[in-house]
Amino acid sequence: MSDSNRSPSDAALAREGSDLATEPEAVQGLREQLPRFVERTLERAGAEGVVVALDGRVGSTVAAVLAIEAVGVDRVCGLVLPANMNDEASARAAEAVASMLSIEYERLQLRPLLSAFQRVLGASGEPADDVVALDNAGERFRMACLYYVANTTDRLVLGSVDRTRRLLGSTTKHGDDGVDLAPLAPLYRTEVRALARAVDVPSDILDRSTRTAGRADSDPEQLGVDPETLDEILHALVDEAQPPAAVAERLAVDRATVQRVRQWRETTRHKRRPPLTPSIDL
């Protein structure tokens, strides 16, 4: 996979030069083309519908809306998958989203599964209290649940990870990036929010932070830049292949900030690559 992370839905993107796809005409193009991508993918797979993990936030809500527009509400199933006590607010918000969209959903509590996992690890002598490792394990349990339901109902797993998170590595390997189709993958976070407003996602959902492995996304804060500027930096660095100095000058941001974004991407490059394989003919 190239570092540009193209997907079948990239053709739907209506960016013009250095601008993100946030203007009404561009967003309307996304509204028309992304549901068709979902519909065609289901048709080619001969699947009955999609299953999506709902967390009450923008990405999963928009992904569910696109699927409903593509194939109808009866073919979209939501799973609400809290794993920790601090997931409760997100779980309640996710259930409210499912009710708002009138889609079928199930709530599966993953805390007992995670606790059993910790007990098994502890009994084997492995550390069982690493916060990051446990958060990642929770994401992989979510993926396993999604695929179990997909397998038993002849559905595909619908993802909600956007391009910002992919380029920054703000995902869990074989977790929230383990899906069958990812309509939001070509869209930066700013573009997803513009699309969310166009499909009338309520403001309280727009105000909620995006979840990454059980925690709120903190990449804009850690990188010292607001989310929209971060997307503009990524777009210039990756899509337009501009050097950091040119990006800093065009966007009127500190060059050190652009360099931090570039270095962050380099550090997380492994998350955007397929598994390494030997270069010999076995």
C-alpha atoms as a PDB file:
ATOM      1  CA  MET A   1       0.000   0.000   0.000  1.00  0.00           C
ATOM      2  CA  SER A   2       1.380   3.373  -0.926  1.00  0.00           C
ATOM      3  CA  ASP A   3       1.681   6.059   1.699  1.00  0.00           C
ATOM      4  CA  SER A   4      -1.076   8.015  -0.048  1.00  0.00           C
ATOM      5  CA  ASN A   5      -3.531   5.337   1.158  1.00  0.00           C
ATOM      6  CA  ARG A   6      -5.857   5.347  -1.817  1.00  0.00           C
ATOM      7  CA  SER A   7      -9.173   3.542  -1.619  1.00  0.00           C
ATOM      8  CA  PRO A   8     -11.941   2.819  -4.137  1.00  0.00           C
ATOM      9  CA  SER A   9     -13.860   5.846  -2.931  1.00  0.00           C
ATOM     10  CA  ASP A  10     -11.063   8.322  -3.669  1.00  0.00           C
ATOM     11  CA  ALA A  11     -12.775   8.994  -6.996  1.00  0.00           C
ATOM     12  CA  ALA A  12     -15.590  10.657  -5.058  1.00  0.00           C
ATOM     13  CA  LEU A  13     -13.285  13.379  -3.768  1.00  0.00           C
ATOM     14  CA  ALA A  14     -13.946  16.835  -5.174  1.00  0.00           C
ATOM     15  CA  ARG A  15     -10.916  18.742  -3.879  1.00  0.00           C
ATOM     16  CA  GLU A  16      -9.811  21.670  -5.974  1.00  0.00           C
ATOM     17  CA  GLY A  17      -6.094  22.374  -5.700  1.00  0.00           C
ATOM     18  CA  SER A  18      -5.111  23.273  -2.149  1.00  0.00           C
ATOM     19  CA  ASP A  19      -8.673  23.426  -0.811  1.00  0.00           C
ATOM     20  CA  LEU A  20     -10.260  20.697   1.251  1.00  0.00           C
ATOM     21  CA  ALA A  21     -13.613  19.342   0.090  1.00  0.00           C
ATOM     22  CA  THR A  22     -15.762  21.452   2.401  1.00  0.00           C
ATOM     23  CA  GLU A  23     -17.606  23.768   0.030  1.00  0.00           C
ATOM     24  CA  PRO A  24     -21.289  22.963  -0.675  1.00  0.00           C
ATOM     25  CA  GLU A  25     -20.675  21.695  -4.209  1.00  0.00           C
ATOM     26  CA  ALA A  26     -17.855  19.398  -3.093  1.00  0.00           C
ATOM     27  CA  VAL A  27     -19.852  18.080  -0.140  1.00  0.00           C
ATOM     28  CA  GLN A  28     -22.855  17.438  -2.378  1.00  0.00           C
ATOM     29  CA  GLY A  29     -20.606  15.385  -4.641  1.00  0.00           C
ATOM     30  CA  LEU A  30     -19.561  13.279  -1.660  1.00  0.00           C
ATOM     31  CA  ARG A  31     -23.206  12.811  -0.635  1.00  0.00           C
ATOM     32  CA  GLU A  32     -23.999  11.476  -4.079  1.00  0.00           C
ATOM     33  CA  GLN A  33     -20.955   9.305  -4.695  1.00  0.00           C
ATOM     34  CA  LEU A  34     -20.062   7.762  -1.326  1.00  0.00           C
ATOM     35  CA  PRO A  35     -23.416   5.969  -0.902  1.00  0.00           C
ATOM     36  CA  ARG A  36     -22.966   4.565  -4.416  1.00  0.00           C
ATOM     37  CA  PHE A  37     -19.568   3.238  -3.352  1.00  0.00           C
ATOM     38  CA  VAL A  38     -21.204   1.458  -0.397  1.00  0.00           C
ATOM     39  CA  GLU A  39     -23.999   0.092  -2.589  1.00  0.00           C
ATOM     40  CA  ARG A  40     -21.623  -1.194  -5.280  1.00  0.00           C
ATOM     41  CA  THR A  41     -19.369  -2.823  -2.708  1.00  0.00           C
ATOM     42  CA  LEU A  42     -22.300  -4.718  -1.205  1.00  0.00           C
ATOM     43  CA  GLU A  43     -23.527  -5.761  -4.643  1.00  0.00           C
ATOM     44  CA  ARG A  44     -20.123  -7.116  -5.659  1.00  0.00           C
ATOM     45  CA  ALA A  45     -19.846  -9.047  -2.394  1.00  0.00           C
ATOM     46  CA  GLY A  46     -23.412 -10.358  -2.570  1.00  0.00           C
ATOM     47  CA  ALA A  47     -23.829  -9.242   1.052  1.00  0.00           C
ATOM     48  CA  GLU A  48     -27.107  -8.631   2.841  1.00  0.00           C
ATOM     49  CA  GLY A  49     -26.023  -5.404   4.514  1.00  0.00           C
ATOM     50  CA  VAL A  50     -23.447  -3.797   6.792  1.00  0.00           C
ATOM     51  CA  VAL A  51     -22.613  -3.806  10.486  1.00  0.00           C
ATOM     52  CA  VAL A  52     -20.979  -0.738  12.028  1.00  0.00           C
ATOM     53  CA  ALA A  53     -19.526   0.011  15.464  1.00  0.00           C
ATOM     54  CA  LEU A  54     -21.389   3.017  16.880  1.00  0.00           C
ATOM     55  CA  ASP A  55     -19.663   5.238  19.440  1.00  0.00           C
ATOM     56  CA  GLY A  56     -21.882   8.322  19.370  1.00  0.00           C
ATOM     57  CA  ARG A  57     -19.325  10.378  17.505  1.00  0.00           C
ATOM     58  CA  VAL A  58     -19.134  12.009  14.112  1.00  0.00           C
ATOM     59  CA  GLY A  59     -17.328   9.345  12.087  1.00  0.00           C
ATOM     60  CA  SER A  60     -19.476   6.338  12.935  1.00  0.00           C
ATOM     61  CA  THR A  61     -22.652   8.431  12.659  1.00  0.00           C
ATOM     62  CA  VAL A  62     -21.772   9.683   9.176  1.00  0.00           C
ATOM     63  CA  ALA A  63     -20.735   6.185   8.062  1.00  0.00           C
ATOM     64  CA  ALA A  64     -24.096   4.826   9.220  1.00  0.00           C
ATOM     65  CA  VAL A  65     -25.980   7.625   7.443  1.00  0.00           C
ATOM     66  CA  LEU A  66     -24.131   6.921   4.186  1.00  0.00           C
ATOM     67  CA  ALA A  67     -24.991   3.239   4.471  1.00  0.00           C
ATOM     68  CA  ILE A  68     -28.660   4.014   5.112  1.00  0.00           C
ATOM     69  CA  GLU A  69     -28.736   6.284   2.072  1.00  0.00           C
ATOM     70  CA  ALA A  70     -27.046   3.538   0.048  1.00  0.00           C
ATOM     71  CA  VAL A  71     -29.059   0.445   0.952  1.00  0.00           C
ATOM     72  CA  GLY A  72     -31.828   1.432   3.359  1.00  0.00           C
ATOM     73  CA  VAL A  73     -32.221   1.369   7.106  1.00  0.00           C
ATOM     74  CA  ASP A  74     -33.197  -2.322   7.238  1.00  0.00           C
ATOM     75  CA  ARG A  75     -29.785  -3.395   5.937  1.00  0.00           C
ATOM     76  CA  VAL A  76     -27.727  -1.455   8.488  1.00  0.00           C
ATOM     77  CA  CYS A  77     -26.958  -2.974  11.892  1.00  0.00           C
ATOM     78  CA  GLY A  78     -25.160  -1.140  14.688  1.00  0.00           C
ATOM     79  CA  LEU A  79     -23.107  -2.542  17.547  1.00  0.00           C
ATOM     80  CA  VAL A  80     -22.466  -0.555  20.710  1.00  0.00           C
ATOM     81  CA  LEU A  81     -19.340  -2.026  22.303  1.00  0.00           C
ATOM     82  CA  PRO A  82     -18.256  -0.397  25.587  1.00  0.00           C
ATOM     83  CA  ALA A  83     -15.199  -1.983  27.201  1.00  0.00           C
ATOM     84  CA  ASN A  84     -14.537   0.290  30.189  1.00  0.00           C
ATOM     85  CA  MET A  85     -16.439   2.377  32.695  1.00  0.00           C
ATOM     86  CA  ASN A  86     -15.383   5.559  30.901  1.00  0.00           C
ATOM     87  CA  ASP A  87     -17.044   4.240  27.734  1.00  0.00           C
ATOM     88  CA  GLU A  88     -20.506   4.537  29.284  1.00  0.00           C
ATOM     89  CA  ALA A  89     -21.197   8.083  28.097  1.00  0.00           C
ATOM     90  CA  SER A  90     -20.157   7.141  24.559  1.00  0.00           C
ATOM     91  CA  ALA A  91     -22.325   4.024  24.709  1.00  0.00           C
ATOM     92  CA  ARG A  92     -25.398   6.029  25.715  1.00  0.00           C
ATOM     93  CA  ALA A  93     -24.689   8.517  22.934  1.00  0.00           C
ATOM     94  CA  ALA A  94     -24.287   5.642  20.461  1.00  0.00           C
ATOM     95  CA  GLU A  95     -27.656   4.209  21.466  1.00  0.00           C
ATOM     96  CA  ALA A  96     -29.198   7.647  20.970  1.00  0.00           C
ATOM     97  CA  VAL A  97     -27.680   7.768  17.479  1.00  0.00           C
ATOM     98  CA  ALA A  98     -29.084   4.323  16.634  1.00  0.00           C
ATOM     99  CA  SER A  99     -32.526   5.415  17.810  1.00  0.00           C
ATOM    100  CA  MET A 100     -32.280   8.683  15.889  1.00  0.00           C
ATOM    101  CA  LEU A 101     -31.397   6.788  12.702  1.00  0.00           C
ATOM    102  CA  SER A 102     -33.987   4.046  13.417  1.00  0.00           C
ATOM    103  CA  ILE A 103     -31.437   1.285  12.834  1.00  0.00           C
ATOM    104  CA  GLU A 104     -31.307  -2.096  14.518  1.00  0.00           C
ATOM    105  CA  TYR A 105     -28.548  -2.273  17.128  1.00  0.00           C
ATOM    106  CA  GLU A 106     -27.182  -4.434  19.918  1.00  0.00           C
ATOM    107  CA  ARG A 107     -25.185  -3.412  22.976  1.00  0.00           C
ATOM    108  CA  LEU A 108     -22.438  -5.864  23.926  1.00  0.00           C
ATOM    109  CA  GLN A 109     -20.498  -5.203  27.133  1.00  0.00           C
ATOM    110  CA  LEU A 110     -16.852  -6.116  26.564  1.00  0.00           C
ATOM    111  CA  ARG A 111     -15.643  -5.485  30.121  1.00  0.00           C
ATOM    112  CA  PRO A 112     -16.131  -9.150  31.209  1.00  0.00           C
ATOM    113  CA  LEU A 113     -14.224 -10.306  28.142  1.00  0.00           C
ATOM    114  CA  LEU A 114     -11.389  -7.866  28.807  1.00  0.00           C
ATOM    115  CA  SER A 115     -11.271  -8.869  32.477  1.00  0.00           C
ATOM    116  CA  ALA A 116     -11.031 -12.548  31.559  1.00  0.00           C
ATOM    117  CA  PHE A 117      -8.274 -11.662  29.110  1.00  0.00           C
ATOM    118  CA  GLN A 118      -6.351  -9.882  31.874  1.00  0.00           C
ATOM    119  CA  ARG A 119      -6.760 -12.868  34.213  1.00  0.00           C
ATOM    120  CA  VAL A 120      -5.370 -15.224  31.591  1.00  0.00           C
ATOM    121  CA  LEU A 121      -2.422 -12.919  30.954  1.00  0.00           C
ATOM    122  CA  GLY A 122      -1.771 -12.491  34.673  1.00  0.00           C
ATOM    123  CA  ALA A 123      -1.803 -16.243  35.253  1.00  0.00           C
ATOM    124  CA  SER A 124       0.780 -16.685  32.503  1.00  0.00           C
ATOM    125  CA  GLY A 125       3.103 -14.151  34.078  1.00  0.00           C
ATOM    126  CA  GLU A 126       2.588 -11.524  31.384  1.00  0.00           C
ATOM    127  CA  PRO A 127       1.911  -7.904  32.423  1.00  0.00           C
ATOM    128  CA  ALA A 128      -1.851  -7.401  32.538  1.00  0.00           C
ATOM    129  CA  ASP A 129      -2.132  -3.704  33.387  1.00  0.00           C
ATOM    130  CA  ASP A 130      -0.534  -1.906  30.436  1.00  0.00           C
ATOM    131  CA  VAL A 131      -3.092   0.811  29.602  1.00  0.00           C
ATOM    132  CA  VAL A 132      -2.177   1.250  25.937  1.00  0.00           C
ATOM    133  CA  ALA A 133      -1.958  -2.489  25.292  1.00  0.00           C
ATOM    134  CA  LEU A 134      -5.343  -3.039  26.965  1.00  0.00           C
ATOM    135  CA  ASP A 135      -6.957  -0.226  24.971  1.00  0.00           C
ATOM    136  CA  ASN A 136      -5.614  -1.817  21.800  1.00  0.00           C
ATOM    137  CA  ALA A 137      -6.895  -5.206  22.915  1.00  0.00           C
ATOM    138  CA  GLY A 138     -10.327  -3.664  23.462  1.00  0.00           C
ATOM    139  CA  GLU A 139     -10.323  -2.347  19.897  1.00  0.00           C
ATOM    140  CA  ARG A 140      -9.413  -5.796  18.594  1.00  0.00           C
ATOM    141  CA  PHE A 141     -12.204  -7.375  20.611  1.00  0.00           C
ATOM    142  CA  ARG A 142     -14.570  -4.871  19.000  1.00  0.00           C
ATOM    143  CA  MET A 143     -13.298  -5.927  15.580  1.00  0.00           C
ATOM    144  CA  ALA A 144     -13.820  -9.605  16.462  1.00  0.00           C
ATOM    145  CA  CYS A 145     -17.406  -8.912  17.570  1.00  0.00           C
ATOM    146  CA  LEU A 146     -18.157  -6.959  14.410  1.00  0.00           C
ATOM    147  CA  TYR A 147     -16.884  -9.778  12.225  1.00  0.00           C
ATOM    148  CA  TYR A 148     -18.756 -12.409  14.211  1.00  0.00           C
ATOM    149  CA  VAL A 149     -22.023 -10.574  13.618  1.00  0.00           C
ATOM    150  CA  ALA A 150     -21.075  -9.934   9.990  1.00  0.00           C
ATOM    151  CA  ASN A 151     -20.282 -13.619   9.440  1.00  0.00           C
ATOM    152  CA  THR A 152     -23.521 -14.817  11.018  1.00  0.00           C
ATOM    153  CA  THR A 153     -25.750 -12.332   9.193  1.00  0.00           C
ATOM    154  CA  ASP A 154     -24.003 -12.234   5.791  1.00  0.00           C
ATOM    155  CA  ARG A 155     -22.995  -8.606   6.163  1.00  0.00           C
ATOM    156  CA  LEU A 156     -19.849  -6.554   5.617  1.00  0.00           C
ATOM    157  CA  VAL A 157     -18.080  -4.563   8.328  1.00  0.00           C
ATOM    158  CA  LEU A 158     -18.351  -0.821   7.687  1.00  0.00           C
ATOM    159  CA  GLY A 159     -15.494   1.354   8.939  1.00  0.00           C
ATOM    160  CA  SER A 160     -15.477   4.993  10.035  1.00  0.00           C
ATOM    161  CA  VAL A 161     -11.768   5.879  10.199  1.00  0.00           C
ATOM    162  CA  ASP A 162     -10.960   9.087   8.314  1.00  0.00           C
ATOM    163  CA  ARG A 163      -7.846  10.110   6.386  1.00  0.00           C
ATOM    164  CA  THR A 164      -6.497  12.309   9.183  1.00  0.00           C
ATOM    165  CA  ARG A 165      -6.392   9.380  11.581  1.00  0.00           C
ATOM    166  CA  ARG A 166      -4.906   7.083   8.958  1.00  0.00           C
ATOM    167  CA  LEU A 167      -2.129   9.483   8.031  1.00  0.00           C
ATOM    168  CA  LEU A 168      -1.273  10.127  11.685  1.00  0.00           C
ATOM    169  CA  GLY A 169      -1.523   6.470  12.701  1.00  0.00           C
ATOM    170  CA  SER A 170      -4.284   7.244  15.220  1.00  0.00           C
ATOM    171  CA  THR A 171      -5.742   3.784  14.777  1.00  0.00           C
ATOM    172  CA  THR A 172      -5.223   0.313  16.201  1.00  0.00           C
ATOM    173  CA  LYS A 173      -3.733  -2.307  13.912  1.00  0.00           C
ATOM    174  CA  HIS A 174      -6.281  -5.067  13.320  1.00  0.00           C
ATOM    175  CA  GLY A 175      -8.741  -3.051  15.387  1.00  0.00           C
ATOM    176  CA  ASP A 176     -10.699  -0.056  14.113  1.00  0.00           C
ATOM    177  CA  ASP A 177      -8.865  -0.370  10.792  1.00  0.00           C
ATOM    178  CA  GLY A 178     -10.000  -4.001  10.422  1.00  0.00           C
ATOM    179  CA  VAL A 179     -13.017  -3.509   8.150  1.00  0.00           C
ATOM    180  CA  ASP A 180     -14.396  -4.541   4.757  1.00  0.00           C
ATOM    181  CA  LEU A 181     -15.192  -1.095   3.395  1.00  0.00           C
ATOM    182  CA  ALA A 182     -14.107   2.358   4.522  1.00  0.00           C
ATOM    183  CA  PRO A 183     -16.052   5.148   2.795  1.00  0.00           C
ATOM    184  CA  LEU A 184     -14.541   7.885   4.975  1.00  0.00           C
ATOM    185  CA  ALA A 185     -10.932   6.797   4.447  1.00  0.00           C
ATOM    186  CA  PRO A 186     -10.164   9.412   1.745  1.00  0.00           C
ATOM    187  CA  LEU A 187     -11.713  12.274   3.752  1.00  0.00           C
ATOM    188  CA  TYR A 188      -9.855  14.435   6.229  1.00  0.00           C
ATOM    189  CA  ARG A 189     -11.510  15.023   9.577  1.00  0.00           C
ATOM    190  CA  THR A 190     -12.528  18.533   8.520  1.00  0.00           C
ATOM    191  CA  GLU A 191     -14.227  17.109   5.416  1.00  0.00           C
ATOM    192  CA  VAL A 192     -16.074  14.476   7.453  1.00  0.00           C
ATOM    193  CA  ARG A 193     -17.420  17.216   9.708  1.00  0.00           C
ATOM    194  CA  ALA A 194     -18.567  19.223   6.690  1.00  0.00           C
ATOM    195  CA  LEU A 195     -20.330  16.113   5.408  1.00  0.00           C
ATOM    196  CA  ALA A 196     -21.852  15.549   8.853  1.00  0.00           C
ATOM    197  CA  ARG A 197     -23.357  19.037   8.845  1.00  0.00           C
ATOM    198  CA  ALA A 198     -24.741  18.438   5.357  1.00  0.00           C
ATOM    199  CA  VAL A 199     -26.557  15.275   6.464  1.00  0.00           C
ATOM    200  CA  ASP A 200     -27.926  17.062   9.556  1.00  0.00           C
ATOM    201  CA  VAL A 201     -25.878  15.318  12.235  1.00  0.00           C
ATOM    202  CA  PRO A 202     -26.920  17.021  15.513  1.00  0.00           C
ATOM    203  CA  SER A 203     -24.568  19.569  17.030  1.00  0.00           C
ATOM    204  CA  ASP A 204     -24.072  17.565  20.225  1.00  0.00           C
ATOM    205  CA  ILE A 205     -22.545  14.751  18.165  1.00  0.00           C
ATOM    206  CA  LEU A 206     -20.376  17.224  16.242  1.00  0.00           C
ATOM    207  CA  ASP A 207     -19.099  18.509  19.575  1.00  0.00           C
ATOM    208  CA  ARG A 208     -17.999  15.063  20.740  1.00  0.00           C
ATOM    209  CA  SER A 209     -14.354  14.106  20.235  1.00  0.00           C
ATOM    210  CA  THR A 210     -13.418  11.180  18.002  1.00  0.00           C
ATOM    211  CA  ARG A 211     -12.431   8.015  19.812  1.00  0.00           C
ATOM    212  CA  THR A 212      -9.072   6.376  19.236  1.00  0.00           C
ATOM    213  CA  ALA A 213      -8.424   3.106  21.029  1.00  0.00           C
ATOM    214  CA  GLY A 214     -10.642   4.031  23.940  1.00  0.00           C
ATOM    215  CA  ARG A 215      -9.316   7.565  24.351  1.00  0.00           C
ATOM    216  CA  ALA A 216     -10.167  10.929  22.837  1.00  0.00           C
ATOM    217  CA  ASP A 217      -8.024  11.918  19.881  1.00  0.00           C
ATOM    218  CA  SER A 218      -5.248  14.185  21.136  1.00  0.00           C
ATOM    219  CA  ASP A 219      -3.101  14.529  18.010  1.00  0.00           C
ATOM    220  CA  PRO A 220      -4.042  18.186  17.315  1.00  0.00           C
ATOM    221  CA  GLU A 221      -3.263  19.129  20.930  1.00  0.00           C
ATOM    222  CA  GLN A 222      -0.006  17.175  21.011  1.00  0.00           C
ATOM    223  CA  LEU A 223       1.059  18.639  17.688  1.00  0.00           C
ATOM    224  CA  GLY A 224       0.154  22.142  18.827  1.00  0.00           C
ATOM    225  CA  VAL A 225      -2.199  22.971  15.960  1.00  0.00           C
ATOM    226  CA  ASP A 226      -5.952  23.280  15.515  1.00  0.00           C
ATOM    227  CA  PRO A 227      -7.708  20.360  13.729  1.00  0.00           C
ATOM    228  CA  GLU A 228      -8.504  22.213  10.486  1.00  0.00           C
ATOM    229  CA  THR A 229      -4.962  23.531  10.099  1.00  0.00           C
ATOM    230  CA  LEU A 230      -3.646  20.041  10.824  1.00  0.00           C
ATOM    231  CA  ASP A 231      -5.714  18.706   7.928  1.00  0.00           C
ATOM    232  CA  GLU A 232      -4.450  21.466   5.652  1.00  0.00           C
ATOM    233  CA  ILE A 233      -0.853  20.640   6.607  1.00  0.00           C
ATOM    234  CA  LEU A 234      -1.384  16.937   5.913  1.00  0.00           C
ATOM    235  CA  HIS A 235      -3.085  17.678   2.598  1.00  0.00           C
ATOM    236  CA  ALA A 236      -0.185  19.878   1.483  1.00  0.00           C
ATOM    237  CA  LEU A 237       2.522  17.496   2.706  1.00  0.00           C
ATOM    238  CA  VAL A 238       1.000  14.249   1.444  1.00  0.00           C
ATOM    239  CA  ASP A 239      -1.395  14.950  -1.417  1.00  0.00           C
ATOM    240  CA  GLU A 240       0.538  17.845  -2.920  1.00  0.00           C
ATOM    241  CA  ALA A 241       4.026  16.637  -1.850  1.00  0.00           C
ATOM    242  CA  GLN A 242       5.061  20.158  -0.852  1.00  0.00           C
ATOM    243  CA  PRO A 243       8.225  20.661   1.212  1.00  0.00           C
ATOM    244  CA  PRO A 244       7.706  21.712   4.852  1.00  0.00           C
ATOM    245  CA  ALA A 245       9.049  25.231   4.271  1.00  0.00           C
ATOM    246  CA  ALA A 246       6.534  25.859   1.477  1.00  0.00           C
ATOM    247  CA  VAL A 247       3.693  24.434   3.576  1.00  0.00           C
ATOM    248  CA  ALA A 248       4.584  26.641   6.530  1.00  0.00           C
ATOM    249  CA  GLU A 249       4.733  29.747   4.365  1.00  0.00           C
ATOM    250  CA  ARG A 250       1.465  29.043   2.536  1.00  0.00           C
ATOM    251  CA  LEU A 251      -0.499  28.284   5.687  1.00  0.00           C
ATOM    252  CA  ALA A 252       1.222  30.915   7.831  1.00  0.00           C
ATOM    253  CA  VAL A 253       2.212  28.399  10.499  1.00  0.00           C
ATOM    254  CA  ASP A 254       5.481  27.812  12.259  1.00  0.00           C
ATOM    255  CA  ARG A 255       7.839  25.564  10.290  1.00  0.00           C
ATOM    256  CA  ALA A 256       8.565  23.575  13.447  1.00  0.00           C
ATOM    257  CA  THR A 257       4.872  22.653  13.610  1.00  0.00           C
ATOM    258  CA  VAL A 258       4.945  21.334  10.051  1.00  0.00           C
ATOM    259  CA  GLN A 259       8.078  19.359  10.870  1.00  0.00           C
ATOM    260  CA  ARG A 260       6.367  17.837  13.926  1.00  0.00           C
ATOM    261  CA  VAL A 261       3.467  16.690  11.766  1.00  0.00           C
ATOM    262  CA  ARG A 262       5.870  15.244   9.210  1.00  0.00           C
ATOM    263  CA  GLN A 263       7.855  13.420  11.904  1.00  0.00           C
ATOM    264  CA  TRP A 264       4.672  12.094  13.528  1.00  0.00           C
ATOM    265  CA  ARG A 265       3.699  10.571  10.192  1.00  0.00           C
ATOM    266  CA  GLU A 266       7.131   9.017   9.767  1.00  0.00           C
ATOM    267  CA  THR A 267       6.961   7.488  13.240  1.00  0.00           C
ATOM    268  CA  THR A 268       3.579   5.877  12.539  1.00  0.00           C
ATOM    269  CA  ARG A 269       4.317   4.799   8.958  1.00  0.00           C
ATOM    270  CA  HIS A 270       4.257   1.127   9.983  1.00  0.00           C
ATOM    271  CA  LYS A 271       0.521   1.387  10.663  1.00  0.00           C
ATOM    272  CA  ARG A 272      -0.171   2.232   7.032  1.00  0.00           C
ATOM    273  CA  ARG A 273       1.789  -0.614   5.511  1.00  0.00           C
ATOM    274  CA  PRO A 274       0.819  -4.240   4.890  1.00  0.00           C
ATOM    275  CA  PRO A 275       2.705  -6.927   6.846  1.00  0.00           C
ATOM    276  CA  LEU A 276       6.347  -7.239   5.928  1.00  0.00           C
ATOM    277  CA  THR A 277       7.136 -10.278   3.817  1.00  0.00           C
ATOM    278  CA  PRO A 278      10.426 -11.819   2.683  1.00  0.00           C
ATOM    279  CA  SER A 279      11.608 -10.797  -0.769  1.00  0.00           C
ATOM    280  CA  ILE A 280      12.290 -14.380  -1.832  1.00  0.00           C
ATOM    281  CA  ASP A 281      10.200 -16.843  -3.776  1.00  0.00           C
ATOM    282  CA  LEU A 282       9.199 -19.443  -1.192  1.00  0.00           C
END
